[in-house]
Amino acid sequence: MTVTLAQLTRRAATAEANVHALLPGTRRLIAIASGKGGVGKTWFAATLAQSLARRGRNVLLFDGDLGLANVDIQLGLLPQHDLNAVFAGVSQLREVVTPYAGEGLAQGFDVIAGRSGAASLGRLQPAALAQLRDDLARLAMAYDHVILDLAAGVDTAVTTLADHGGLIYVVATPDPTSLTDAYAFIKLLHQRRQGCDVRVIINMAQDRGEGARTYDTLLRTTEHFLKISPPLAGIIRRDKNVVAAIRQQTPMLARFSASPAAEDVAAIADKLLL
């Protein structure tokens, strides 16, 4: 049976309504996760932060992918302090916040940078991880949104931080391995806390039709095996300007605001603020 984009949109809207009925939650904390690397998770996190800041929101972007941290690299940011200073006991979490003005952004946002090549969050002792989570929750009170760019995969640190986010975006692509790993991540979250607000982002779709078919594949799998229907948060089309923005270390919305991927992320931000 062929499923149209309109039918998928209605199903996604129904699923989202069911999630809100079960879990009021908060949209202050937004965790960005994926089952595997290479799906554009960090780019999406940074571009979502840009989009929300453009809409007048006070945003903090937290780079939780400590071992492969690259939020600061993608933004061309040179932070004086990063999370390593916190773990070393030299600084408090609030002291490693770096303002990011950003080329072409009327309003910037704040960044807490990791350090590429450093020990991953997964190597933290449980007490240290819990302290980080609690400190982040307190810091979040000063912002409209805190976006957590988590490491790819399903280790304890990732699921612990994701589990305490008010909203969890799971990023996947049409690649079958990405879908398999996204399902595994959703399954683990569901086992940890049923009713958590998980939504799906399909990235790098050739067009909206491919994105809809990809989401439908994942949705049918979660409905069959987990009896849950994570709603579709958005489809982001494949866009050559994404690579250009990353290479130029410039905000996607500043230089390529009219490109397909930028428009798609802007639509996700608008939907988030409804």
C-alpha atoms as a PDB file:
ATOM      1  CA  MET A   1       0.000   0.000   0.000  1.00  0.00           C
ATOM      2  CA  THR A   2       1.338   3.437  -0.988  1.00  0.00           C
ATOM      3  CA  VAL A   3       1.400   5.986   1.826  1.00  0.00           C
ATOM      4  CA  THR A   4       1.185   9.640   0.778  1.00  0.00           C
ATOM      5  CA  LEU A   5       3.014  12.525   2.440  1.00  0.00           C
ATOM      6  CA  ALA A   6      -0.346  13.984   3.528  1.00  0.00           C
ATOM      7  CA  GLN A   7      -1.276  10.708   5.243  1.00  0.00           C
ATOM      8  CA  LEU A   8       2.102  10.598   7.012  1.00  0.00           C
ATOM      9  CA  THR A   9       1.668  14.206   8.118  1.00  0.00           C
ATOM     10  CA  ARG A  10      -1.720  13.388   9.662  1.00  0.00           C
ATOM     11  CA  ARG A  11      -0.283  10.305  11.382  1.00  0.00           C
ATOM     12  CA  ALA A  12       2.658  12.317  12.712  1.00  0.00           C
ATOM     13  CA  ALA A  13       0.330  15.046  14.014  1.00  0.00           C
ATOM     14  CA  THR A  14      -1.811  12.451  15.792  1.00  0.00           C
ATOM     15  CA  ALA A  15       1.279  10.826  17.301  1.00  0.00           C
ATOM     16  CA  GLU A  16       2.565  14.200  18.517  1.00  0.00           C
ATOM     17  CA  ALA A  17      -0.784  15.010  20.114  1.00  0.00           C
ATOM     18  CA  ASN A  18      -0.715  11.672  21.920  1.00  0.00           C
ATOM     19  CA  VAL A  19       2.785  12.400  23.238  1.00  0.00           C
ATOM     20  CA  HIS A  20       1.705  15.762  24.678  1.00  0.00           C
ATOM     21  CA  ALA A  21      -1.357  14.187  26.261  1.00  0.00           C
ATOM     22  CA  LEU A  22       0.834  11.661  28.070  1.00  0.00           C
ATOM     23  CA  LEU A  23       3.783  13.909  28.882  1.00  0.00           C
ATOM     24  CA  PRO A  24       3.411  17.686  29.246  1.00  0.00           C
ATOM     25  CA  GLY A  25       7.183  18.048  29.736  1.00  0.00           C
ATOM     26  CA  THR A  26       9.201  21.108  28.772  1.00  0.00           C
ATOM     27  CA  ARG A  27      10.841  22.300  25.596  1.00  0.00           C
ATOM     28  CA  ARG A  28      13.583  24.101  27.477  1.00  0.00           C
ATOM     29  CA  LEU A  29      15.939  21.106  27.192  1.00  0.00           C
ATOM     30  CA  ILE A  30      16.294  19.717  23.669  1.00  0.00           C
ATOM     31  CA  ALA A  31      18.532  16.677  23.224  1.00  0.00           C
ATOM     32  CA  ILE A  32      19.814  15.947  19.704  1.00  0.00           C
ATOM     33  CA  ALA A  33      20.802  12.300  19.355  1.00  0.00           C
ATOM     34  CA  SER A  34      21.416   9.611  16.755  1.00  0.00           C
ATOM     35  CA  GLY A  35      22.103   5.927  16.704  1.00  0.00           C
ATOM     36  CA  LYS A  36      25.203   6.379  14.542  1.00  0.00           C
ATOM     37  CA  GLY A  37      27.602   9.059  13.394  1.00  0.00           C
ATOM     38  CA  GLY A  38      27.627  10.794  10.040  1.00  0.00           C
ATOM     39  CA  VAL A  39      23.946  11.764   9.964  1.00  0.00           C
ATOM     40  CA  GLY A  40      24.446  15.538  10.341  1.00  0.00           C
ATOM     41  CA  LYS A  41      23.493  15.691  14.007  1.00  0.00           C
ATOM     42  CA  THR A  42      25.947  18.416  15.035  1.00  0.00           C
ATOM     43  CA  TRP A  43      25.181  20.533  11.982  1.00  0.00           C
ATOM     44  CA  PHE A  44      21.472  20.268  12.776  1.00  0.00           C
ATOM     45  CA  ALA A  45      22.033  21.195  16.441  1.00  0.00           C
ATOM     46  CA  ALA A  46      24.057  24.279  15.484  1.00  0.00           C
ATOM     47  CA  THR A  47      21.604  25.346  12.777  1.00  0.00           C
ATOM     48  CA  LEU A  48      18.616  24.869  15.086  1.00  0.00           C
ATOM     49  CA  ALA A  49      20.371  27.084  17.656  1.00  0.00           C
ATOM     50  CA  GLN A  50      20.883  29.729  14.957  1.00  0.00           C
ATOM     51  CA  SER A  51      17.257  29.496  13.872  1.00  0.00           C
ATOM     52  CA  LEU A  52      15.868  29.825  17.403  1.00  0.00           C
ATOM     53  CA  ALA A  53      18.216  32.740  18.142  1.00  0.00           C
ATOM     54  CA  ARG A  54      16.962  34.469  14.993  1.00  0.00           C
ATOM     55  CA  ARG A  55      13.487  34.218  16.453  1.00  0.00           C
ATOM     56  CA  GLY A  56      14.569  36.117  19.553  1.00  0.00           C
ATOM     57  CA  ARG A  57      15.073  33.107  21.793  1.00  0.00           C
ATOM     58  CA  ASN A  58      17.866  32.931  24.361  1.00  0.00           C
ATOM     59  CA  VAL A  59      19.734  29.736  23.440  1.00  0.00           C
ATOM     60  CA  LEU A  60      22.594  27.667  24.875  1.00  0.00           C
ATOM     61  CA  LEU A  61      24.235  25.014  22.670  1.00  0.00           C
ATOM     62  CA  PHE A  62      25.981  22.305  24.715  1.00  0.00           C
ATOM     63  CA  ASP A  63      28.531  20.095  22.935  1.00  0.00           C
ATOM     64  CA  GLY A  64      28.110  16.763  24.684  1.00  0.00           C
ATOM     65  CA  ASP A  65      30.094  14.800  22.100  1.00  0.00           C
ATOM     66  CA  LEU A  66      33.247  15.381  24.094  1.00  0.00           C
ATOM     67  CA  GLY A  67      35.575  12.864  22.464  1.00  0.00           C
ATOM     68  CA  LEU A  68      34.705  14.078  18.956  1.00  0.00           C
ATOM     69  CA  ALA A  69      33.620  17.591  19.873  1.00  0.00           C
ATOM     70  CA  ASN A  70      33.275  19.838  16.835  1.00  0.00           C
ATOM     71  CA  VAL A  71      30.522  22.372  17.494  1.00  0.00           C
ATOM     72  CA  ASP A  72      33.150  25.076  17.996  1.00  0.00           C
ATOM     73  CA  ILE A  73      34.960  23.996  14.813  1.00  0.00           C
ATOM     74  CA  GLN A  74      31.815  24.151  12.695  1.00  0.00           C
ATOM     75  CA  LEU A  75      31.080  27.630  14.054  1.00  0.00           C
ATOM     76  CA  GLY A  76      34.659  28.897  13.721  1.00  0.00           C
ATOM     77  CA  LEU A  77      34.649  29.575  17.458  1.00  0.00           C
ATOM     78  CA  LEU A  78      37.793  29.695  19.617  1.00  0.00           C
ATOM     79  CA  PRO A  79      36.592  29.207  23.214  1.00  0.00           C
ATOM     80  CA  GLN A  80      38.973  30.094  26.036  1.00  0.00           C
ATOM     81  CA  HIS A  81      37.465  27.376  28.237  1.00  0.00           C
ATOM     82  CA  ASP A  82      35.684  24.096  27.584  1.00  0.00           C
ATOM     83  CA  LEU A  83      34.212  21.129  29.453  1.00  0.00           C
ATOM     84  CA  ASN A  84      37.641  19.769  30.315  1.00  0.00           C
ATOM     85  CA  ALA A  85      38.079  22.668  32.736  1.00  0.00           C
ATOM     86  CA  VAL A  86      34.863  21.619  34.457  1.00  0.00           C
ATOM     87  CA  PHE A  87      35.889  17.965  34.729  1.00  0.00           C
ATOM     88  CA  ALA A  88      39.301  19.005  36.039  1.00  0.00           C
ATOM     89  CA  GLY A  89      37.634  21.005  38.800  1.00  0.00           C
ATOM     90  CA  VAL A  90      39.106  24.272  37.532  1.00  0.00           C
ATOM     91  CA  SER A  91      35.842  25.919  36.463  1.00  0.00           C
ATOM     92  CA  GLN A  92      32.122  25.770  37.117  1.00  0.00           C
ATOM     93  CA  LEU A  93      29.864  24.917  34.190  1.00  0.00           C
ATOM     94  CA  ARG A  94      28.535  28.468  33.973  1.00  0.00           C
ATOM     95  CA  GLU A  95      32.120  29.759  33.708  1.00  0.00           C
ATOM     96  CA  VAL A  96      32.848  27.929  30.441  1.00  0.00           C
ATOM     97  CA  VAL A  97      29.946  29.485  28.532  1.00  0.00           C
ATOM     98  CA  THR A  98      31.222  31.215  25.375  1.00  0.00           C
ATOM     99  CA  PRO A  99      29.064  33.824  23.597  1.00  0.00           C
ATOM    100  CA  TYR A 100      28.740  33.326  19.851  1.00  0.00           C
ATOM    101  CA  ALA A 101      27.765  36.377  17.825  1.00  0.00           C
ATOM    102  CA  GLY A 102      27.949  34.670  14.452  1.00  0.00           C
ATOM    103  CA  GLU A 103      28.322  36.261  11.061  1.00  0.00           C
ATOM    104  CA  GLY A 104      25.032  37.708   9.877  1.00  0.00           C
ATOM    105  CA  LEU A 105      23.101  36.807  13.026  1.00  0.00           C
ATOM    106  CA  ALA A 106      21.105  39.662  14.565  1.00  0.00           C
ATOM    107  CA  GLN A 107      21.099  37.752  17.855  1.00  0.00           C
ATOM    108  CA  GLY A 108      23.701  35.177  18.770  1.00  0.00           C
ATOM    109  CA  PHE A 109      23.634  32.348  21.270  1.00  0.00           C
ATOM    110  CA  ASP A 110      25.877  30.791  23.905  1.00  0.00           C
ATOM    111  CA  VAL A 111      28.050  27.703  23.509  1.00  0.00           C
ATOM    112  CA  ILE A 112      29.611  25.252  25.939  1.00  0.00           C
ATOM    113  CA  ALA A 113      32.367  23.581  23.961  1.00  0.00           C
ATOM    114  CA  GLY A 114      33.824  20.138  24.376  1.00  0.00           C
ATOM    115  CA  ARG A 115      37.337  19.265  23.311  1.00  0.00           C
ATOM    116  CA  SER A 116      38.010  16.947  20.406  1.00  0.00           C
ATOM    117  CA  GLY A 117      40.231  14.044  21.396  1.00  0.00           C
ATOM    118  CA  ALA A 118      39.393  14.336  25.088  1.00  0.00           C
ATOM    119  CA  ALA A 119      37.934  11.495  27.114  1.00  0.00           C
ATOM    120  CA  SER A 120      34.291  10.891  26.287  1.00  0.00           C
ATOM    121  CA  LEU A 121      31.403  11.534  28.633  1.00  0.00           C
ATOM    122  CA  GLY A 122      30.966   7.772  28.736  1.00  0.00           C
ATOM    123  CA  ARG A 123      34.171   7.515  30.791  1.00  0.00           C
ATOM    124  CA  LEU A 124      32.890   9.796  33.521  1.00  0.00           C
ATOM    125  CA  GLN A 125      32.108   8.264  36.866  1.00  0.00           C
ATOM    126  CA  PRO A 126      28.347   8.091  37.543  1.00  0.00           C
ATOM    127  CA  ALA A 127      28.616  10.751  40.256  1.00  0.00           C
ATOM    128  CA  ALA A 128      30.407  13.151  37.898  1.00  0.00           C
ATOM    129  CA  LEU A 129      27.863  12.532  35.157  1.00  0.00           C
ATOM    130  CA  ALA A 130      24.990  13.140  37.588  1.00  0.00           C
ATOM    131  CA  GLN A 131      26.656  16.371  38.741  1.00  0.00           C
ATOM    132  CA  LEU A 132      27.021  17.526  35.136  1.00  0.00           C
ATOM    133  CA  ARG A 133      23.373  16.735  34.451  1.00  0.00           C
ATOM    134  CA  ASP A 134      22.217  18.646  37.553  1.00  0.00           C
ATOM    135  CA  ASP A 135      24.464  21.638  36.829  1.00  0.00           C
ATOM    136  CA  LEU A 136      23.171  21.755  33.277  1.00  0.00           C
ATOM    137  CA  ALA A 137      19.567  21.674  34.494  1.00  0.00           C
ATOM    138  CA  ARG A 138      20.249  24.625  36.796  1.00  0.00           C
ATOM    139  CA  LEU A 139      22.029  26.554  34.053  1.00  0.00           C
ATOM    140  CA  ALA A 140      19.102  25.906  31.714  1.00  0.00           C
ATOM    141  CA  MET A 141      16.869  28.096  33.866  1.00  0.00           C
ATOM    142  CA  ALA A 142      18.639  31.153  32.429  1.00  0.00           C
ATOM    143  CA  TYR A 143      17.713  30.228  28.847  1.00  0.00           C
ATOM    144  CA  ASP A 144      14.657  29.722  26.697  1.00  0.00           C
ATOM    145  CA  HIS A 145      16.240  26.630  25.148  1.00  0.00           C
ATOM    146  CA  VAL A 146      19.282  24.476  25.877  1.00  0.00           C
ATOM    147  CA  ILE A 147      20.254  22.274  22.936  1.00  0.00           C
ATOM    148  CA  LEU A 148      22.303  19.209  23.865  1.00  0.00           C
ATOM    149  CA  ASP A 149      24.381  17.866  20.975  1.00  0.00           C
ATOM    150  CA  LEU A 150      24.974  14.335  22.249  1.00  0.00           C
ATOM    151  CA  ALA A 151      27.486  11.775  21.049  1.00  0.00           C
ATOM    152  CA  ALA A 152      26.323   9.243  18.490  1.00  0.00           C
ATOM    153  CA  GLY A 153      25.446   5.837  19.892  1.00  0.00           C
ATOM    154  CA  VAL A 154      23.725   4.449  22.942  1.00  0.00           C
ATOM    155  CA  ASP A 155      26.261   4.537  25.775  1.00  0.00           C
ATOM    156  CA  THR A 156      25.185   5.299  29.340  1.00  0.00           C
ATOM    157  CA  ALA A 157      26.191   8.960  29.275  1.00  0.00           C
ATOM    158  CA  VAL A 158      24.216   9.626  26.102  1.00  0.00           C
ATOM    159  CA  THR A 159      21.054   7.916  27.292  1.00  0.00           C
ATOM    160  CA  THR A 160      21.319   9.514  30.755  1.00  0.00           C
ATOM    161  CA  LEU A 161      21.491  13.030  29.328  1.00  0.00           C
ATOM    162  CA  ALA A 162      18.890  12.303  26.648  1.00  0.00           C
ATOM    163  CA  ASP A 163      16.574  10.777  29.224  1.00  0.00           C
ATOM    164  CA  HIS A 164      16.559  14.033  31.178  1.00  0.00           C
ATOM    165  CA  GLY A 165      15.909  16.235  28.161  1.00  0.00           C
ATOM    166  CA  GLY A 166      12.400  17.583  27.851  1.00  0.00           C
ATOM    167  CA  LEU A 167      12.428  16.816  24.135  1.00  0.00           C
ATOM    168  CA  ILE A 168      14.580  14.345  22.214  1.00  0.00           C
ATOM    169  CA  TYR A 169      15.187  14.678  18.491  1.00  0.00           C
ATOM    170  CA  VAL A 170      16.552  11.469  16.973  1.00  0.00           C
ATOM    171  CA  VAL A 171      18.288  12.244  13.679  1.00  0.00           C
ATOM    172  CA  ALA A 172      18.330   9.591  10.962  1.00  0.00           C
ATOM    173  CA  THR A 173      18.976   9.455   7.217  1.00  0.00           C
ATOM    174  CA  PRO A 174      17.582   7.230   4.454  1.00  0.00           C
ATOM    175  CA  ASP A 175      20.619   4.964   4.894  1.00  0.00           C
ATOM    176  CA  PRO A 176      19.362   1.566   6.169  1.00  0.00           C
ATOM    177  CA  THR A 177      22.102   1.382   8.815  1.00  0.00           C
ATOM    178  CA  SER A 178      21.070   4.794  10.125  1.00  0.00           C
ATOM    179  CA  LEU A 179      17.458   3.655  10.430  1.00  0.00           C
ATOM    180  CA  THR A 180      18.500   0.467  12.214  1.00  0.00           C
ATOM    181  CA  ASP A 181      20.584   2.406  14.718  1.00  0.00           C
ATOM    182  CA  ALA A 182      17.890   5.061  15.183  1.00  0.00           C
ATOM    183  CA  TYR A 183      15.404   2.315  16.022  1.00  0.00           C
ATOM    184  CA  ALA A 184      17.866   0.808  18.528  1.00  0.00           C
ATOM    185  CA  PHE A 185      18.276   4.204  20.192  1.00  0.00           C
ATOM    186  CA  ILE A 186      14.521   4.796  20.410  1.00  0.00           C
ATOM    187  CA  LYS A 187      14.037   1.297  21.808  1.00  0.00           C
ATOM    188  CA  LEU A 188      16.599   1.892  24.552  1.00  0.00           C
ATOM    189  CA  LEU A 189      15.036   5.223  25.505  1.00  0.00           C
ATOM    190  CA  HIS A 190      11.597   3.612  25.588  1.00  0.00           C
ATOM    191  CA  GLN A 191      12.890   0.871  27.886  1.00  0.00           C
ATOM    192  CA  ARG A 192      14.439   3.449  30.236  1.00  0.00           C
ATOM    193  CA  ARG A 193      11.418   5.727  30.435  1.00  0.00           C
ATOM    194  CA  GLN A 194       8.171   5.019  28.671  1.00  0.00           C
ATOM    195  CA  GLY A 195       6.382   8.097  27.419  1.00  0.00           C
ATOM    196  CA  CYS A 196       9.493  10.213  26.840  1.00  0.00           C
ATOM    197  CA  ASP A 197       9.004  12.875  24.169  1.00  0.00           C
ATOM    198  CA  VAL A 198      10.966  11.430  21.227  1.00  0.00           C
ATOM    199  CA  ARG A 199      10.587  12.904  17.746  1.00  0.00           C
ATOM    200  CA  VAL A 200      12.233  11.981  14.472  1.00  0.00           C
ATOM    201  CA  ILE A 201      14.277  14.166  12.127  1.00  0.00           C
ATOM    202  CA  ILE A 202      14.975  12.714   8.683  1.00  0.00           C
ATOM    203  CA  ASN A 203      18.107  14.400   7.318  1.00  0.00           C
ATOM    204  CA  MET A 204      19.787  14.271   3.891  1.00  0.00           C
ATOM    205  CA  ALA A 205      16.628  13.248   2.042  1.00  0.00           C
ATOM    206  CA  GLN A 206      16.729  13.698  -1.732  1.00  0.00           C
ATOM    207  CA  ASP A 207      13.277  15.233  -1.497  1.00  0.00           C
ATOM    208  CA  ARG A 208      10.345  15.318   0.890  1.00  0.00           C
ATOM    209  CA  GLY A 209       8.931  12.166  -0.666  1.00  0.00           C
ATOM    210  CA  GLU A 210      12.036  10.163   0.201  1.00  0.00           C
ATOM    211  CA  GLY A 211      12.003  11.688   3.670  1.00  0.00           C
ATOM    212  CA  ALA A 212       8.379  10.647   4.152  1.00  0.00           C
ATOM    213  CA  ARG A 213       9.077   7.083   3.010  1.00  0.00           C
ATOM    214  CA  THR A 214      12.083   6.878   5.323  1.00  0.00           C
ATOM    215  CA  TYR A 215      10.054   8.068   8.292  1.00  0.00           C
ATOM    216  CA  ASP A 216       7.267   5.630   7.438  1.00  0.00           C
ATOM    217  CA  THR A 217       9.752   2.745   7.509  1.00  0.00           C
ATOM    218  CA  LEU A 218      10.963   3.742  10.973  1.00  0.00           C
ATOM    219  CA  LEU A 219       7.434   4.466  12.204  1.00  0.00           C
ATOM    220  CA  ARG A 220       6.093   1.073  11.120  1.00  0.00           C
ATOM    221  CA  THR A 221       8.999  -0.620  12.903  1.00  0.00           C
ATOM    222  CA  THR A 222       8.473   1.231  16.191  1.00  0.00           C
ATOM    223  CA  GLU A 223       4.719   0.701  16.033  1.00  0.00           C
ATOM    224  CA  HIS A 224       5.099  -3.029  15.386  1.00  0.00           C
ATOM    225  CA  PHE A 225       7.808  -3.864  17.909  1.00  0.00           C
ATOM    226  CA  LEU A 226       7.541  -1.113  20.536  1.00  0.00           C
ATOM    227  CA  LYS A 227       3.882  -0.125  20.191  1.00  0.00           C
ATOM    228  CA  ILE A 228       4.866   3.553  20.062  1.00  0.00           C
ATOM    229  CA  SER A 229       4.567   6.193  17.340  1.00  0.00           C
ATOM    230  CA  PRO A 230       7.335   8.799  17.604  1.00  0.00           C
ATOM    231  CA  PRO A 231       6.118  11.812  15.605  1.00  0.00           C
ATOM    232  CA  LEU A 232       7.929  13.287  12.636  1.00  0.00           C
ATOM    233  CA  ALA A 233       9.496  16.607  13.627  1.00  0.00           C
ATOM    234  CA  GLY A 234      10.752  17.425  10.158  1.00  0.00           C
ATOM    235  CA  ILE A 235      12.422  16.399   6.918  1.00  0.00           C
ATOM    236  CA  ILE A 236      15.666  18.117   5.906  1.00  0.00           C
ATOM    237  CA  ARG A 237      16.557  17.885   2.241  1.00  0.00           C
ATOM    238  CA  ARG A 238      20.054  17.099   1.011  1.00  0.00           C
ATOM    239  CA  ASP A 239      21.768  20.396   0.239  1.00  0.00           C
ATOM    240  CA  LYS A 240      25.265  21.088  -1.104  1.00  0.00           C
ATOM    241  CA  ASN A 241      25.319  24.345   0.845  1.00  0.00           C
ATOM    242  CA  VAL A 242      25.513  22.393   4.109  1.00  0.00           C
ATOM    243  CA  VAL A 243      29.007  21.187   3.220  1.00  0.00           C
ATOM    244  CA  ALA A 244      29.948  24.691   2.071  1.00  0.00           C
ATOM    245  CA  ALA A 245      28.823  26.245   5.365  1.00  0.00           C
ATOM    246  CA  ILE A 246      30.741  23.675   7.405  1.00  0.00           C
ATOM    247  CA  ARG A 247      33.908  24.182   5.356  1.00  0.00           C
ATOM    248  CA  GLN A 248      33.620  27.944   5.642  1.00  0.00           C
ATOM    249  CA  GLN A 249      32.853  27.669   9.384  1.00  0.00           C
ATOM    250  CA  THR A 250      29.964  30.044   8.949  1.00  0.00           C
ATOM    251  CA  PRO A 251      26.338  29.956  10.146  1.00  0.00           C
ATOM    252  CA  MET A 252      24.119  28.171   7.637  1.00  0.00           C
ATOM    253  CA  LEU A 253      21.339  30.714   8.079  1.00  0.00           C
ATOM    254  CA  ALA A 254      23.659  33.678   7.607  1.00  0.00           C
ATOM    255  CA  ARG A 255      25.092  32.781   4.206  1.00  0.00           C
ATOM    256  CA  PHE A 256      22.614  30.263   2.821  1.00  0.00           C
ATOM    257  CA  SER A 257      19.316  31.221   4.456  1.00  0.00           C
ATOM    258  CA  ALA A 258      17.294  30.572   1.281  1.00  0.00           C
ATOM    259  CA  SER A 259      18.730  27.101   0.678  1.00  0.00           C
ATOM    260  CA  PRO A 260      16.490  24.026   1.063  1.00  0.00           C
ATOM    261  CA  ALA A 261      18.151  22.683   4.227  1.00  0.00           C
ATOM    262  CA  ALA A 262      18.065  26.090   5.930  1.00  0.00           C
ATOM    263  CA  GLU A 263      14.370  26.458   5.127  1.00  0.00           C
ATOM    264  CA  ASP A 264      13.682  22.979   6.500  1.00  0.00           C
ATOM    265  CA  VAL A 265      15.432  23.683   9.813  1.00  0.00           C
ATOM    266  CA  ALA A 266      13.612  27.012  10.060  1.00  0.00           C
ATOM    267  CA  ALA A 267      10.321  25.126   9.667  1.00  0.00           C
ATOM    268  CA  ILE A 268      11.330  22.770  12.498  1.00  0.00           C
ATOM    269  CA  ALA A 269      12.123  25.768  14.721  1.00  0.00           C
ATOM    270  CA  ASP A 270       8.776  27.377  13.907  1.00  0.00           C
ATOM    271  CA  LYS A 271       6.970  24.144  14.755  1.00  0.00           C
ATOM    272  CA  LEU A 272       8.867  23.924  18.043  1.00  0.00           C
ATOM    273  CA  LEU A 273       7.663  27.376  19.068  1.00  0.00           C
ATOM    274  CA  LEU A 274       3.992  26.723  18.344  1.00  0.00           C
END
